[in-house]
Amino acid sequence: MKKVNKFFVDYVNKVSSVTTRKQKTVNSVLSRNLQKEVKESLNAIAFRDYVIRDYFEMSVRQSAGHFAALEKTSWNQFLGQHRLDLFSIQSDWSLGKSSASENLAIHRRVYQVTSAGAAITCHPVEIYSIIYRKINWQVLDFLPGGAFEDFAVMTRAEIEAADSIPKAVFSFSHGLTVWGDDLFSVVNDIDKLVFSSKLALLKG
């Protein structure tokens, strides 16, 4: 118990020290493994078609009550720079100077109602296309197995009110949000969805 208490005291002290800095970032209070996971994932996908600089966000669960996020104002895919911020899962609190973006509010909801370890919001034009063209992907038996098994189209209001959220959820207002155990599994699921959507468009 003493070790647990010491951990929380150290954690609070570190977060407090971050809030006094001019540039409020939590890189120093995140584990090296978590920082490495974010950096490697960003490097791996930064130039994919669905990563649009001003509309792309990723996050990783930091603890029971917080998640670390890389959102649209805190990274540069061309210079390889990124800055993580810490957000509360239970409230609108964050270490960032500005309030959470619309999509990070959706990330917060994902962490509240699921066991997600990571989440990504992106904008694959193929997903928009199959929804806009009303292609019924559920009856296309030639698609890779499981690509759309846990996929749903929902409005922002429905997402915020939901007691559970599919692993892949889409709306025209915020794009595609996918969650999973870690960023690497999320990226794989997005790639699978994009590839399957391309096949569906060919068939449609």
N, C-alpha and C. Protein backbone atom coordinates (compact mmCIF):
# COMPACT_ATOMS: atom_id res chain seq x y z
N MET A 1 0.82 -1.20 0.00
CA MET A 1 0.00 0.00 0.00
C MET A 1 0.86 1.26 0.00
N LYS A 2 1.98 1.20 0.74
CA LYS A 2 2.88 2.36 0.77
C LYS A 2 3.42 2.65 -0.62
N LYS A 3 3.76 1.56 -1.36
CA LYS A 3 4.28 1.74 -2.72
C LYS A 3 3.23 2.37 -3.62
N VAL A 4 1.96 1.93 -3.46
CA VAL A 4 0.87 2.47 -4.26
C VAL A 4 0.69 3.95 -3.96
N ASN A 5 0.68 4.28 -2.66
CA ASN A 5 0.51 5.68 -2.26
C ASN A 5 1.65 6.54 -2.78
N LYS A 6 2.88 6.00 -2.72
CA LYS A 6 4.04 6.74 -3.20
C LYS A 6 3.92 7.00 -4.70
N PHE A 7 3.41 5.99 -5.43
CA PHE A 7 3.24 6.15 -6.88
C PHE A 7 2.27 7.30 -7.17
N PHE A 8 1.13 7.34 -6.46
CA PHE A 8 0.15 8.38 -6.72
C PHE A 8 0.67 9.77 -6.32
N VAL A 9 1.41 9.84 -5.23
CA VAL A 9 2.00 11.11 -4.81
C VAL A 9 2.98 11.60 -5.88
N ASP A 10 3.84 10.71 -6.35
CA ASP A 10 4.81 11.08 -7.40
C ASP A 10 4.09 11.51 -8.68
N TYR A 11 3.03 10.78 -9.01
CA TYR A 11 2.28 11.08 -10.22
C TYR A 11 1.66 12.48 -10.14
N VAL A 12 1.00 12.77 -9.02
CA VAL A 12 0.38 14.08 -8.82
C VAL A 12 1.42 15.19 -8.86
N ASN A 13 2.57 14.95 -8.22
CA ASN A 13 3.65 15.96 -8.22
C ASN A 13 4.15 16.23 -9.63
N LYS A 14 4.31 15.17 -10.41
CA LYS A 14 4.80 15.34 -11.79
C LYS A 14 3.79 16.12 -12.63
N VAL A 15 2.51 15.75 -12.51
CA VAL A 15 1.49 16.47 -13.27
C VAL A 15 1.42 17.93 -12.83
N SER A 16 1.54 18.17 -11.53
CA SER A 16 1.52 19.54 -11.02
C SER A 16 2.68 20.35 -11.57
N SER A 17 3.84 19.72 -11.67
CA SER A 17 5.01 20.44 -12.19
C SER A 17 4.83 20.80 -13.65
N VAL A 18 4.11 19.94 -14.38
CA VAL A 18 3.87 20.21 -15.79
C VAL A 18 2.97 21.43 -15.96
N THR A 19 1.96 21.56 -15.09
CA THR A 19 0.99 22.65 -15.24
C THR A 19 1.62 24.02 -15.01
N THR A 20 2.80 24.07 -14.42
CA THR A 20 3.44 25.36 -14.17
C THR A 20 4.32 25.80 -15.34
N ARG A 21 4.51 24.92 -16.32
CA ARG A 21 5.36 25.27 -17.44
C ARG A 21 4.63 26.18 -18.42
N LYS A 22 5.42 26.88 -19.22
CA LYS A 22 4.85 27.76 -20.24
C LYS A 22 4.12 26.92 -21.30
N GLN A 23 4.76 25.88 -21.77
CA GLN A 23 4.16 24.99 -22.77
C GLN A 23 3.66 23.74 -22.05
N LYS A 24 2.37 23.65 -21.87
CA LYS A 24 1.80 22.59 -21.05
C LYS A 24 1.72 21.29 -21.83
N THR A 25 2.64 20.42 -21.57
CA THR A 25 2.67 19.12 -22.23
C THR A 25 3.03 18.06 -21.20
N VAL A 26 2.62 16.83 -21.44
CA VAL A 26 2.83 15.80 -20.44
C VAL A 26 3.81 14.74 -20.89
N ASN A 27 4.64 15.04 -21.86
CA ASN A 27 5.61 14.05 -22.30
C ASN A 27 6.45 13.52 -21.14
N SER A 28 6.75 14.38 -20.18
CA SER A 28 7.62 13.97 -19.08
C SER A 28 6.94 13.05 -18.08
N VAL A 29 5.60 13.01 -18.07
CA VAL A 29 4.91 12.16 -17.10
C VAL A 29 4.33 10.90 -17.74
N LEU A 30 4.56 10.73 -19.02
CA LEU A 30 4.10 9.52 -19.69
C LEU A 30 5.23 8.50 -19.74
N SER A 31 4.86 7.24 -19.69
CA SER A 31 5.88 6.21 -19.73
C SER A 31 6.60 6.24 -21.08
N ARG A 32 7.86 5.82 -21.08
CA ARG A 32 8.61 5.79 -22.33
C ARG A 32 7.97 4.85 -23.35
N ASN A 33 7.41 3.75 -22.86
CA ASN A 33 6.76 2.80 -23.77
C ASN A 33 5.57 3.44 -24.48
N LEU A 34 4.78 4.21 -23.72
CA LEU A 34 3.62 4.86 -24.30
C LEU A 34 4.05 5.92 -25.32
N GLN A 35 5.05 6.72 -24.96
CA GLN A 35 5.57 7.72 -25.89
C GLN A 35 6.10 7.06 -27.17
N LYS A 36 6.80 5.95 -26.99
CA LYS A 36 7.36 5.23 -28.14
C LYS A 36 6.25 4.69 -29.03
N GLU A 37 5.18 4.16 -28.41
CA GLU A 37 4.06 3.62 -29.16
C GLU A 37 3.41 4.71 -30.03
N VAL A 38 3.21 5.89 -29.44
CA VAL A 38 2.60 6.99 -30.18
C VAL A 38 3.50 7.43 -31.32
N LYS A 39 4.78 7.60 -31.03
CA LYS A 39 5.72 8.07 -32.05
C LYS A 39 5.84 7.08 -33.20
N GLU A 40 5.99 5.80 -32.89
CA GLU A 40 6.14 4.80 -33.93
C GLU A 40 4.86 4.67 -34.77
N SER A 41 3.71 4.76 -34.11
CA SER A 41 2.45 4.66 -34.84
C SER A 41 2.28 5.85 -35.76
N LEU A 42 2.61 7.03 -35.28
CA LEU A 42 2.49 8.23 -36.12
C LEU A 42 3.43 8.16 -37.31
N ASN A 43 4.66 7.73 -37.06
CA ASN A 43 5.63 7.60 -38.15
C ASN A 43 5.16 6.59 -39.20
N ALA A 44 4.48 5.54 -38.73
CA ALA A 44 4.05 4.48 -39.64
C ALA A 44 2.87 4.89 -40.51
N ILE A 45 2.03 5.81 -40.03
CA ILE A 45 0.80 6.10 -40.78
C ILE A 45 0.66 7.55 -41.22
N ALA A 46 1.64 8.40 -40.91
CA ALA A 46 1.50 9.84 -41.14
C ALA A 46 1.22 10.22 -42.58
N PHE A 47 1.64 9.39 -43.52
CA PHE A 47 1.45 9.76 -44.92
C PHE A 47 0.43 8.87 -45.64
N ARG A 48 -0.38 8.15 -44.86
CA ARG A 48 -1.48 7.41 -45.47
C ARG A 48 -2.57 8.40 -45.91
N ASP A 49 -3.37 7.97 -46.87
CA ASP A 49 -4.39 8.87 -47.42
C ASP A 49 -5.40 9.33 -46.38
N TYR A 50 -5.70 8.48 -45.41
CA TYR A 50 -6.74 8.85 -44.45
C TYR A 50 -6.23 9.72 -43.31
N VAL A 51 -4.93 10.00 -43.27
CA VAL A 51 -4.38 10.88 -42.25
C VAL A 51 -4.35 12.31 -42.82
N ILE A 52 -5.38 13.08 -42.51
CA ILE A 52 -5.46 14.47 -42.95
C ILE A 52 -5.00 15.35 -41.79
N ARG A 53 -3.99 16.14 -42.03
CA ARG A 53 -3.30 16.88 -40.97
C ARG A 53 -4.24 17.58 -39.98
N ASP A 54 -5.23 18.29 -40.48
CA ASP A 54 -6.07 19.09 -39.59
C ASP A 54 -7.25 18.34 -39.01
N TYR A 55 -7.38 17.05 -39.35
CA TYR A 55 -8.55 16.31 -38.89
C TYR A 55 -8.20 14.95 -38.30
N PHE A 56 -6.95 14.74 -37.97
CA PHE A 56 -6.52 13.42 -37.51
C PHE A 56 -6.12 13.48 -36.04
N GLU A 57 -6.58 12.51 -35.27
CA GLU A 57 -6.24 12.48 -33.85
C GLU A 57 -6.03 11.04 -33.37
N MET A 58 -5.09 10.86 -32.45
CA MET A 58 -4.90 9.55 -31.83
C MET A 58 -4.77 9.72 -30.32
N SER A 59 -5.14 8.69 -29.60
CA SER A 59 -5.05 8.77 -28.14
C SER A 59 -4.75 7.39 -27.57
N VAL A 60 -4.19 7.38 -26.36
CA VAL A 60 -3.84 6.14 -25.67
C VAL A 60 -4.29 6.27 -24.22
N ARG A 61 -4.91 5.22 -23.69
CA ARG A 61 -5.33 5.27 -22.28
C ARG A 61 -4.10 5.33 -21.40
N GLN A 62 -4.03 6.35 -20.57
CA GLN A 62 -2.89 6.55 -19.68
C GLN A 62 -3.12 5.88 -18.33
N SER A 63 -4.36 5.95 -17.85
CA SER A 63 -4.69 5.36 -16.55
C SER A 63 -6.21 5.21 -16.51
N ALA A 64 -6.73 4.82 -15.36
CA ALA A 64 -8.17 4.63 -15.23
C ALA A 64 -8.93 5.94 -15.48
N GLY A 65 -8.30 7.05 -15.18
CA GLY A 65 -9.00 8.33 -15.28
C GLY A 65 -8.47 9.29 -16.32
N HIS A 66 -7.44 8.89 -17.08
CA HIS A 66 -6.85 9.82 -18.04
C HIS A 66 -6.44 9.13 -19.33
N PHE A 67 -6.43 9.91 -20.41
CA PHE A 67 -5.84 9.41 -21.66
C PHE A 67 -4.93 10.49 -22.23
N ALA A 68 -3.87 10.04 -22.88
CA ALA A 68 -2.93 10.95 -23.53
C ALA A 68 -3.31 11.04 -25.00
N ALA A 69 -3.30 12.26 -25.54
CA ALA A 69 -3.77 12.45 -26.91
C ALA A 69 -2.82 13.30 -27.73
N LEU A 70 -2.78 12.96 -29.00
CA LEU A 70 -2.07 13.74 -30.00
C LEU A 70 -3.15 14.26 -30.93
N GLU A 71 -3.50 15.53 -30.79
CA GLU A 71 -4.61 16.04 -31.59
C GLU A 71 -4.12 17.05 -32.61
N LYS A 72 -5.03 17.61 -33.38
CA LYS A 72 -4.67 18.31 -34.62
C LYS A 72 -3.78 19.53 -34.41
N THR A 73 -3.78 20.11 -33.22
CA THR A 73 -2.95 21.30 -33.02
C THR A 73 -1.58 20.98 -32.45
N SER A 74 -1.30 19.69 -32.21
CA SER A 74 -0.08 19.38 -31.46
C SER A 74 0.91 18.48 -32.20
N TRP A 75 0.82 18.43 -33.55
CA TRP A 75 1.80 17.62 -34.27
C TRP A 75 2.00 18.15 -35.68
N ASN A 76 3.15 17.81 -36.24
CA ASN A 76 3.48 18.18 -37.61
C ASN A 76 4.04 16.97 -38.33
N GLN A 77 3.27 16.41 -39.27
CA GLN A 77 3.67 15.16 -39.91
C GLN A 77 4.88 15.33 -40.81
N PHE A 78 5.16 16.56 -41.23
CA PHE A 78 6.28 16.79 -42.14
C PHE A 78 7.59 17.01 -41.39
N LEU A 79 7.52 17.63 -40.23
CA LEU A 79 8.73 17.88 -39.45
C LEU A 79 8.96 16.81 -38.39
N GLY A 80 8.01 15.89 -38.25
CA GLY A 80 8.17 14.82 -37.28
C GLY A 80 8.05 15.28 -35.84
N GLN A 81 7.41 16.42 -35.63
CA GLN A 81 7.26 16.94 -34.26
C GLN A 81 5.90 16.53 -33.70
N HIS A 82 5.88 16.19 -32.42
CA HIS A 82 4.60 15.90 -31.80
C HIS A 82 4.65 16.23 -30.31
N ARG A 83 3.50 16.61 -29.79
CA ARG A 83 3.38 16.99 -28.38
C ARG A 83 2.10 16.36 -27.83
N LEU A 84 2.26 15.56 -26.80
CA LEU A 84 1.12 14.89 -26.20
C LEU A 84 0.51 15.73 -25.09
N ASP A 85 -0.78 15.59 -24.92
CA ASP A 85 -1.47 16.24 -23.80
C ASP A 85 -2.30 15.22 -23.04
N LEU A 86 -2.52 15.50 -21.78
CA LEU A 86 -3.24 14.59 -20.90
C LEU A 86 -4.66 15.10 -20.68
N PHE A 87 -5.64 14.23 -20.90
CA PHE A 87 -7.05 14.60 -20.74
C PHE A 87 -7.71 13.71 -19.70
N SER A 88 -8.68 14.25 -19.01
CA SER A 88 -9.47 13.48 -18.05
C SER A 88 -10.54 12.70 -18.79
N ILE A 89 -10.74 11.46 -18.38
CA ILE A 89 -11.80 10.64 -18.96
C ILE A 89 -13.16 11.04 -18.38
N GLN A 90 -13.17 11.53 -17.15
CA GLN A 90 -14.43 11.80 -16.46
C GLN A 90 -14.92 13.24 -16.60
N SER A 91 -14.08 14.14 -17.12
CA SER A 91 -14.48 15.54 -17.22
C SER A 91 -13.83 16.18 -18.43
N ASP A 92 -14.01 17.50 -18.58
CA ASP A 92 -13.42 18.22 -19.70
C ASP A 92 -12.01 18.72 -19.39
N TRP A 93 -11.48 18.32 -18.24
CA TRP A 93 -10.16 18.82 -17.83
C TRP A 93 -9.05 18.29 -18.73
N SER A 94 -8.10 19.15 -19.04
CA SER A 94 -6.90 18.72 -19.74
C SER A 94 -5.76 19.66 -19.41
N LEU A 95 -4.53 19.20 -19.67
CA LEU A 95 -3.36 20.05 -19.45
C LEU A 95 -3.15 21.01 -20.62
N GLY A 96 -3.85 20.78 -21.71
CA GLY A 96 -3.70 21.65 -22.87
C GLY A 96 -4.26 23.03 -22.60
N LYS A 97 -3.76 24.01 -23.31
CA LYS A 97 -4.24 25.37 -23.14
C LYS A 97 -5.66 25.53 -23.66
N SER A 98 -5.98 24.82 -24.73
CA SER A 98 -7.32 24.92 -25.30
C SER A 98 -8.15 23.72 -24.87
N SER A 99 -9.47 23.85 -24.99
CA SER A 99 -10.33 22.74 -24.60
C SER A 99 -10.21 21.61 -25.62
N ALA A 100 -10.66 20.43 -25.24
CA ALA A 100 -10.55 19.27 -26.11
C ALA A 100 -11.31 19.51 -27.40
N SER A 101 -10.77 19.01 -28.49
CA SER A 101 -11.45 19.15 -29.78
C SER A 101 -12.71 18.29 -29.78
N GLU A 102 -13.51 18.48 -30.80
CA GLU A 102 -14.76 17.72 -30.92
C GLU A 102 -14.49 16.22 -30.95
N ASN A 103 -13.47 15.82 -31.71
CA ASN A 103 -13.18 14.40 -31.82
C ASN A 103 -12.60 13.81 -30.54
N LEU A 104 -11.83 14.61 -29.79
CA LEU A 104 -11.30 14.10 -28.52
C LEU A 104 -12.41 13.92 -27.49
N ALA A 105 -13.48 14.68 -27.63
CA ALA A 105 -14.64 14.45 -26.77
C ALA A 105 -15.23 13.07 -27.06
N ILE A 106 -15.19 12.67 -28.33
CA ILE A 106 -15.65 11.33 -28.70
C ILE A 106 -14.69 10.27 -28.15
N HIS A 107 -13.38 10.56 -28.22
CA HIS A 107 -12.40 9.65 -27.62
C HIS A 107 -12.69 9.46 -26.14
N ARG A 108 -13.01 10.55 -25.45
CA ARG A 108 -13.31 10.46 -24.02
C ARG A 108 -14.48 9.51 -23.79
N ARG A 109 -15.50 9.63 -24.62
CA ARG A 109 -16.66 8.76 -24.47
C ARG A 109 -16.29 7.29 -24.71
N VAL A 110 -15.43 7.06 -25.69
CA VAL A 110 -14.96 5.70 -25.97
C VAL A 110 -14.31 5.10 -24.73
N TYR A 111 -13.44 5.87 -24.07
CA TYR A 111 -12.75 5.36 -22.88
C TYR A 111 -13.70 5.18 -21.70
N GLN A 112 -14.76 5.97 -21.66
CA GLN A 112 -15.72 5.85 -20.57
C GLN A 112 -16.53 4.56 -20.64
N VAL A 113 -16.88 4.13 -21.85
CA VAL A 113 -17.84 3.02 -21.98
C VAL A 113 -17.24 1.74 -22.57
N THR A 114 -15.94 1.74 -22.88
CA THR A 114 -15.31 0.54 -23.43
C THR A 114 -14.01 0.24 -22.68
N SER A 115 -13.39 -0.87 -23.05
CA SER A 115 -12.10 -1.24 -22.47
C SER A 115 -10.94 -0.79 -23.35
N ALA A 116 -11.19 0.17 -24.24
CA ALA A 116 -10.19 0.61 -25.21
C ALA A 116 -8.87 1.01 -24.56
N GLY A 117 -7.77 0.60 -25.21
CA GLY A 117 -6.45 1.04 -24.79
C GLY A 117 -5.93 2.15 -25.67
N ALA A 118 -6.57 2.32 -26.86
CA ALA A 118 -6.14 3.35 -27.80
C ALA A 118 -7.28 3.62 -28.77
N ALA A 119 -7.25 4.82 -29.37
CA ALA A 119 -8.28 5.19 -30.35
C ALA A 119 -7.69 6.13 -31.38
N ILE A 120 -8.21 6.06 -32.59
CA ILE A 120 -7.78 6.94 -33.67
C ILE A 120 -9.02 7.47 -34.40
N THR A 121 -9.01 8.75 -34.69
CA THR A 121 -10.03 9.35 -35.55
C THR A 121 -9.37 9.76 -36.85
N CYS A 122 -9.94 9.33 -37.99
CA CYS A 122 -9.36 9.64 -39.29
C CYS A 122 -10.48 9.78 -40.32
N HIS A 123 -10.09 9.99 -41.57
CA HIS A 123 -11.10 10.31 -42.58
C HIS A 123 -10.83 9.61 -43.91
N PRO A 124 -11.01 8.30 -43.96
CA PRO A 124 -10.82 7.58 -45.23
C PRO A 124 -11.95 7.92 -46.21
N VAL A 125 -11.61 8.46 -47.35
CA VAL A 125 -12.65 8.87 -48.31
C VAL A 125 -13.46 7.67 -48.78
N GLU A 126 -12.85 6.46 -48.75
CA GLU A 126 -13.57 5.26 -49.17
C GLU A 126 -14.75 4.96 -48.25
N ILE A 127 -14.57 5.21 -46.95
CA ILE A 127 -15.66 4.98 -46.00
C ILE A 127 -16.80 5.96 -46.28
N TYR A 128 -16.45 7.23 -46.47
CA TYR A 128 -17.46 8.23 -46.81
C TYR A 128 -18.22 7.80 -48.07
N SER A 129 -17.48 7.28 -49.04
CA SER A 129 -18.07 6.92 -50.33
C SER A 129 -19.09 5.79 -50.21
N ILE A 130 -18.73 4.72 -49.46
CA ILE A 130 -19.68 3.60 -49.38
C ILE A 130 -20.94 4.00 -48.59
N ILE A 131 -20.79 4.89 -47.62
CA ILE A 131 -21.95 5.34 -46.86
C ILE A 131 -22.81 6.26 -47.73
N TYR A 132 -22.16 7.19 -48.41
CA TYR A 132 -22.87 8.15 -49.27
C TYR A 132 -23.61 7.43 -50.40
N ARG A 133 -22.98 6.41 -50.96
CA ARG A 133 -23.59 5.67 -52.07
C ARG A 133 -24.53 4.56 -51.58
N LYS A 134 -24.66 4.44 -50.26
CA LYS A 134 -25.58 3.47 -49.65
C LYS A 134 -25.31 2.04 -50.09
N ILE A 135 -24.02 1.71 -50.15
CA ILE A 135 -23.63 0.35 -50.49
C ILE A 135 -23.80 -0.54 -49.26
N ASN A 136 -24.50 -1.63 -49.41
CA ASN A 136 -24.73 -2.55 -48.29
C ASN A 136 -23.54 -3.50 -48.15
N TRP A 137 -22.56 -3.10 -47.36
CA TRP A 137 -21.34 -3.90 -47.20
C TRP A 137 -21.61 -5.21 -46.47
N GLN A 138 -22.72 -5.27 -45.73
CA GLN A 138 -23.01 -6.46 -44.92
C GLN A 138 -23.34 -7.68 -45.77
N VAL A 139 -23.74 -7.47 -47.03
CA VAL A 139 -24.11 -8.62 -47.88
C VAL A 139 -22.99 -8.97 -48.86
N LEU A 140 -21.87 -8.27 -48.79
CA LEU A 140 -20.77 -8.53 -49.71
C LEU A 140 -19.88 -9.62 -49.12
N ASP A 141 -20.12 -10.87 -49.50
CA ASP A 141 -19.44 -12.01 -48.87
C ASP A 141 -18.00 -12.19 -49.36
N PHE A 142 -17.57 -11.38 -50.34
CA PHE A 142 -16.19 -11.52 -50.83
C PHE A 142 -15.22 -10.64 -50.05
N LEU A 143 -15.71 -9.84 -49.12
CA LEU A 143 -14.84 -8.97 -48.35
C LEU A 143 -14.05 -9.78 -47.32
N PRO A 144 -12.86 -9.31 -46.91
CA PRO A 144 -12.09 -10.00 -45.87
C PRO A 144 -12.93 -10.22 -44.62
N GLY A 145 -12.82 -11.38 -44.03
CA GLY A 145 -13.64 -11.73 -42.88
C GLY A 145 -13.51 -10.76 -41.71
N GLY A 146 -14.64 -10.34 -41.19
CA GLY A 146 -14.64 -9.52 -39.98
C GLY A 146 -14.41 -8.05 -40.16
N ALA A 147 -14.21 -7.59 -41.39
CA ALA A 147 -13.88 -6.18 -41.60
C ALA A 147 -14.96 -5.25 -41.05
N PHE A 148 -16.23 -5.60 -41.27
CA PHE A 148 -17.34 -4.74 -40.83
C PHE A 148 -18.18 -5.37 -39.72
N GLU A 149 -17.61 -6.36 -39.05
CA GLU A 149 -18.39 -7.06 -38.01
C GLU A 149 -18.80 -6.14 -36.87
N ASP A 150 -17.92 -5.25 -36.47
CA ASP A 150 -18.22 -4.35 -35.35
C ASP A 150 -18.11 -2.90 -35.83
N PHE A 151 -18.89 -2.59 -36.87
CA PHE A 151 -18.87 -1.27 -37.51
C PHE A 151 -20.29 -0.72 -37.51
N ALA A 152 -20.42 0.58 -37.22
CA ALA A 152 -21.75 1.18 -37.23
C ALA A 152 -21.67 2.63 -37.68
N VAL A 153 -22.77 3.10 -38.25
CA VAL A 153 -22.91 4.51 -38.61
C VAL A 153 -23.82 5.15 -37.58
N MET A 154 -23.31 6.16 -36.89
CA MET A 154 -24.06 6.81 -35.82
C MET A 154 -23.90 8.32 -35.90
N THR A 155 -24.85 9.04 -35.35
CA THR A 155 -24.70 10.49 -35.25
C THR A 155 -23.86 10.81 -34.02
N ARG A 156 -23.36 12.02 -33.97
CA ARG A 156 -22.57 12.44 -32.81
C ARG A 156 -23.39 12.30 -31.52
N ALA A 157 -24.65 12.70 -31.55
CA ALA A 157 -25.52 12.61 -30.36
C ALA A 157 -25.69 11.16 -29.92
N GLU A 158 -25.82 10.25 -30.87
CA GLU A 158 -25.97 8.83 -30.54
C GLU A 158 -24.70 8.29 -29.89
N ILE A 159 -23.54 8.72 -30.40
CA ILE A 159 -22.26 8.28 -29.83
C ILE A 159 -22.14 8.75 -28.38
N GLU A 160 -22.47 10.00 -28.15
CA GLU A 160 -22.32 10.57 -26.81
C GLU A 160 -23.28 9.95 -25.81
N ALA A 161 -24.42 9.46 -26.29
CA ALA A 161 -25.41 8.88 -25.39
C ALA A 161 -25.28 7.36 -25.26
N ALA A 162 -24.45 6.74 -26.10
CA ALA A 162 -24.37 5.28 -26.14
C ALA A 162 -23.73 4.69 -24.89
N ASP A 163 -24.26 3.56 -24.45
CA ASP A 163 -23.68 2.83 -23.33
C ASP A 163 -22.57 1.90 -23.79
N SER A 164 -22.50 1.64 -25.09
CA SER A 164 -21.41 0.88 -25.69
C SER A 164 -21.17 1.44 -27.09
N ILE A 165 -19.92 1.37 -27.54
CA ILE A 165 -19.56 1.92 -28.84
C ILE A 165 -18.85 0.84 -29.65
N PRO A 166 -19.29 0.62 -30.89
CA PRO A 166 -18.62 -0.38 -31.74
C PRO A 166 -17.14 -0.06 -31.90
N LYS A 167 -16.34 -1.06 -32.26
CA LYS A 167 -14.90 -0.82 -32.43
C LYS A 167 -14.59 0.12 -33.58
N ALA A 168 -15.51 0.23 -34.52
CA ALA A 168 -15.38 1.21 -35.60
C ALA A 168 -16.72 1.93 -35.73
N VAL A 169 -16.71 3.24 -35.56
CA VAL A 169 -17.96 4.00 -35.64
C VAL A 169 -17.73 5.19 -36.57
N PHE A 170 -18.71 5.43 -37.44
CA PHE A 170 -18.58 6.49 -38.44
C PHE A 170 -19.74 7.46 -38.38
N SER A 171 -19.44 8.74 -38.56
CA SER A 171 -20.48 9.73 -38.80
C SER A 171 -19.90 10.79 -39.73
N PHE A 172 -20.76 11.42 -40.51
CA PHE A 172 -20.27 12.44 -41.43
C PHE A 172 -19.72 13.64 -40.68
N SER A 173 -20.17 13.86 -39.45
CA SER A 173 -19.73 15.04 -38.71
C SER A 173 -18.34 14.90 -38.11
N HIS A 174 -17.93 13.66 -37.79
CA HIS A 174 -16.59 13.51 -37.17
C HIS A 174 -15.70 12.48 -37.84
N GLY A 175 -16.20 11.76 -38.84
CA GLY A 175 -15.37 10.80 -39.55
C GLY A 175 -15.40 9.42 -38.91
N LEU A 176 -14.30 8.70 -39.06
CA LEU A 176 -14.20 7.32 -38.57
C LEU A 176 -13.37 7.28 -37.30
N THR A 177 -13.93 6.74 -36.23
CA THR A 177 -13.18 6.52 -34.99
C THR A 177 -13.11 5.02 -34.75
N VAL A 178 -11.89 4.53 -34.58
CA VAL A 178 -11.65 3.11 -34.34
C VAL A 178 -10.89 2.96 -33.04
N TRP A 179 -11.29 2.00 -32.20
CA TRP A 179 -10.57 1.77 -30.95
C TRP A 179 -10.16 0.31 -30.84
N GLY A 180 -9.14 0.07 -29.99
CA GLY A 180 -8.65 -1.29 -29.78
C GLY A 180 -7.71 -1.35 -28.60
N ASP A 181 -6.97 -2.45 -28.51
CA ASP A 181 -6.08 -2.64 -27.36
C ASP A 181 -4.89 -1.68 -27.39
N ASP A 182 -4.37 -1.40 -28.58
CA ASP A 182 -3.24 -0.48 -28.72
C ASP A 182 -3.30 0.16 -30.09
N LEU A 183 -2.42 1.13 -30.33
CA LEU A 183 -2.45 1.86 -31.59
C LEU A 183 -2.17 0.97 -32.79
N PHE A 184 -1.28 -0.01 -32.61
CA PHE A 184 -0.92 -0.88 -33.72
C PHE A 184 -2.11 -1.70 -34.19
N SER A 185 -2.90 -2.23 -33.25
CA SER A 185 -4.08 -3.01 -33.64
C SER A 185 -5.14 -2.10 -34.27
N VAL A 186 -5.24 -0.87 -33.79
CA VAL A 186 -6.19 0.09 -34.37
C VAL A 186 -5.83 0.40 -35.82
N VAL A 187 -4.53 0.66 -36.07
CA VAL A 187 -4.07 0.95 -37.43
C VAL A 187 -4.37 -0.22 -38.35
N ASN A 188 -4.14 -1.44 -37.88
CA ASN A 188 -4.42 -2.64 -38.70
C ASN A 188 -5.90 -2.72 -39.04
N ASP A 189 -6.76 -2.41 -38.05
CA ASP A 189 -8.20 -2.46 -38.29
C ASP A 189 -8.64 -1.39 -39.29
N ILE A 190 -8.04 -0.20 -39.22
CA ILE A 190 -8.36 0.86 -40.18
C ILE A 190 -7.95 0.44 -41.58
N ASP A 191 -6.74 -0.11 -41.70
CA ASP A 191 -6.27 -0.56 -43.02
C ASP A 191 -7.21 -1.61 -43.61
N LYS A 192 -7.68 -2.51 -42.75
CA LYS A 192 -8.59 -3.56 -43.21
C LYS A 192 -9.92 -2.96 -43.67
N LEU A 193 -10.42 -1.97 -42.94
CA LEU A 193 -11.66 -1.31 -43.32
C LEU A 193 -11.51 -0.56 -44.64
N VAL A 194 -10.39 0.14 -44.79
CA VAL A 194 -10.16 0.91 -46.02
C VAL A 194 -10.06 -0.02 -47.22
N PHE A 195 -9.29 -1.11 -47.08
CA PHE A 195 -9.16 -2.08 -48.17
C PHE A 195 -10.51 -2.69 -48.53
N SER A 196 -11.27 -3.06 -47.51
CA SER A 196 -12.60 -3.66 -47.75
C SER A 196 -13.53 -2.66 -48.41
N SER A 197 -13.42 -1.40 -48.02
CA SER A 197 -14.25 -0.36 -48.63
C SER A 197 -13.93 -0.18 -50.11
N LYS A 198 -12.65 -0.25 -50.44
CA LYS A 198 -12.23 -0.16 -51.84
C LYS A 198 -12.85 -1.32 -52.66
N LEU A 199 -12.83 -2.51 -52.08
CA LEU A 199 -13.43 -3.66 -52.76
C LEU A 199 -14.94 -3.47 -52.94
N ALA A 200 -15.58 -2.95 -51.88
CA ALA A 200 -17.03 -2.72 -51.94
C ALA A 200 -17.37 -1.69 -53.01
N LEU A 201 -16.53 -0.68 -53.16
CA LEU A 201 -16.77 0.34 -54.18
C LEU A 201 -16.59 -0.23 -55.58
N LEU A 202 -15.64 -1.14 -55.75
CA LEU A 202 -15.45 -1.79 -57.05
C LEU A 202 -16.68 -2.61 -57.43
N LYS A 203 -17.22 -3.30 -56.44
CA LYS A 203 -18.39 -4.14 -56.67
C LYS A 203 -19.66 -3.28 -56.88
N GLY A 204 -19.71 -2.17 -56.09
CA GLY A 204 -20.90 -1.32 -56.15
C GLY A 204 -20.97 -0.52 -57.41
